[in-house]
Amino acid sequence: IMKALFGRNAAKPQDNSKDNAFVAEYQVSNPAIFGKSIKEIRESAGCQFVISRVWKDGKVIIPTSDTVIEENEHILLTSAK
């Protein structure tokens, strides 16, 4: 049905490998970022990324740029490869 509606090429996956996102979960262990907000970390990182989840005290939160990252917290980070 999809081929009939959109043509043959629509069924073929496109190679956008250079545009693919990289998603990873990390445990924070770098003392240079303890006690800093996500905004402060982004400004000093020199690359673009998004922290979409933070595990604080056993609870998952959706952080803002003002969320402070502490030692041993877990973060879900998305960036370009």
Protein backbone atom coordinates (compact mmCIF):
# COMPACT_ATOMS: atom_id res chain seq x y z
CA ILE A 1 0.00 0.00 0.00
CA MET A 2 2.82 2.42 0.92
CA LYS A 3 4.58 1.74 -2.39
CA ALA A 4 1.37 2.39 -4.30
CA LEU A 5 0.74 5.68 -2.49
CA PHE A 6 4.27 7.08 -2.40
CA GLY A 7 6.10 5.27 -5.22
CA ARG A 8 8.88 2.74 -5.17
CA ASN A 9 11.62 4.95 -3.71
CA ALA A 10 9.59 5.73 -0.59
CA ALA A 11 10.01 2.18 0.68
CA LYS A 12 13.82 2.37 0.53
CA PRO A 13 15.54 3.60 3.67
CA GLN A 14 17.57 6.74 3.16
CA ASP A 15 21.17 6.94 4.34
CA ASN A 16 21.32 9.90 6.71
CA SER A 17 24.15 8.48 8.77
CA LYS A 18 25.88 11.83 9.07
CA ASP A 19 22.70 13.26 10.62
CA ASN A 20 22.08 10.44 13.09
CA ALA A 21 21.87 11.27 16.74
CA PHE A 22 24.00 9.63 19.40
CA VAL A 23 22.16 8.71 22.60
CA ALA A 24 23.95 7.45 25.72
CA GLU A 25 23.49 7.14 29.46
CA TYR A 26 26.35 8.24 31.72
CA GLN A 27 27.13 8.21 35.41
CA VAL A 28 28.60 11.57 36.39
CA SER A 29 32.13 11.10 37.71
CA ASN A 30 33.98 14.21 36.51
CA PRO A 31 34.64 16.61 39.42
CA ALA A 32 34.87 19.49 36.93
CA ILE A 33 31.10 19.41 36.46
CA PHE A 34 29.92 18.62 40.01
CA GLY A 35 27.65 21.40 41.25
CA LYS A 36 27.33 23.08 37.83
CA SER A 37 24.10 23.70 35.95
CA ILE A 38 23.49 22.16 32.56
CA LYS A 39 23.77 25.65 31.08
CA GLU A 40 27.24 26.12 32.59
CA ILE A 41 28.35 22.69 31.38
CA ARG A 42 27.12 23.38 27.82
CA GLU A 43 28.92 26.73 27.69
CA SER A 44 32.25 25.13 28.58
CA ALA A 45 31.83 21.90 26.58
CA GLY A 46 32.50 23.27 23.11
CA CYS A 47 29.88 20.99 21.51
CA GLN A 48 26.11 20.76 21.27
CA PHE A 49 24.18 18.22 23.34
CA VAL A 50 20.88 17.76 25.15
CA ILE A 51 20.47 16.15 28.55
CA SER A 52 16.92 14.84 28.40
CA ARG A 53 16.74 12.92 31.69
CA VAL A 54 18.55 12.99 35.03
CA TRP A 55 18.30 10.32 37.72
CA LYS A 56 18.45 12.17 41.07
CA ASP A 57 18.03 10.29 44.33
CA GLY A 58 16.37 7.35 42.57
CA LYS A 59 13.87 9.54 40.69
CA VAL A 60 13.88 10.45 37.01
CA ILE A 61 13.46 14.14 36.24
CA ILE A 62 13.25 16.14 33.03
CA PRO A 63 15.93 18.76 33.58
CA THR A 64 16.01 22.43 32.65
CA SER A 65 19.10 24.47 31.86
CA ASP A 66 19.19 25.45 35.56
CA THR A 67 19.32 21.84 36.80
CA VAL A 68 22.50 21.27 38.81
CA ILE A 69 24.43 18.07 38.11
CA GLU A 70 25.97 16.26 41.07
CA GLU A 71 28.38 13.37 41.55
CA ASN A 72 27.10 9.85 40.72
CA GLU A 73 23.88 11.03 39.11
CA HIS A 74 22.94 9.37 35.84
CA ILE A 75 22.12 11.41 32.74
CA LEU A 76 20.63 10.57 29.37
CA LEU A 77 22.49 12.60 26.77
CA THR A 78 21.77 13.12 23.07
CA SER A 79 24.24 14.65 20.63
CA ALA A 80 25.35 14.46 17.03
CA LYS A 81 27.72 11.58 16.31
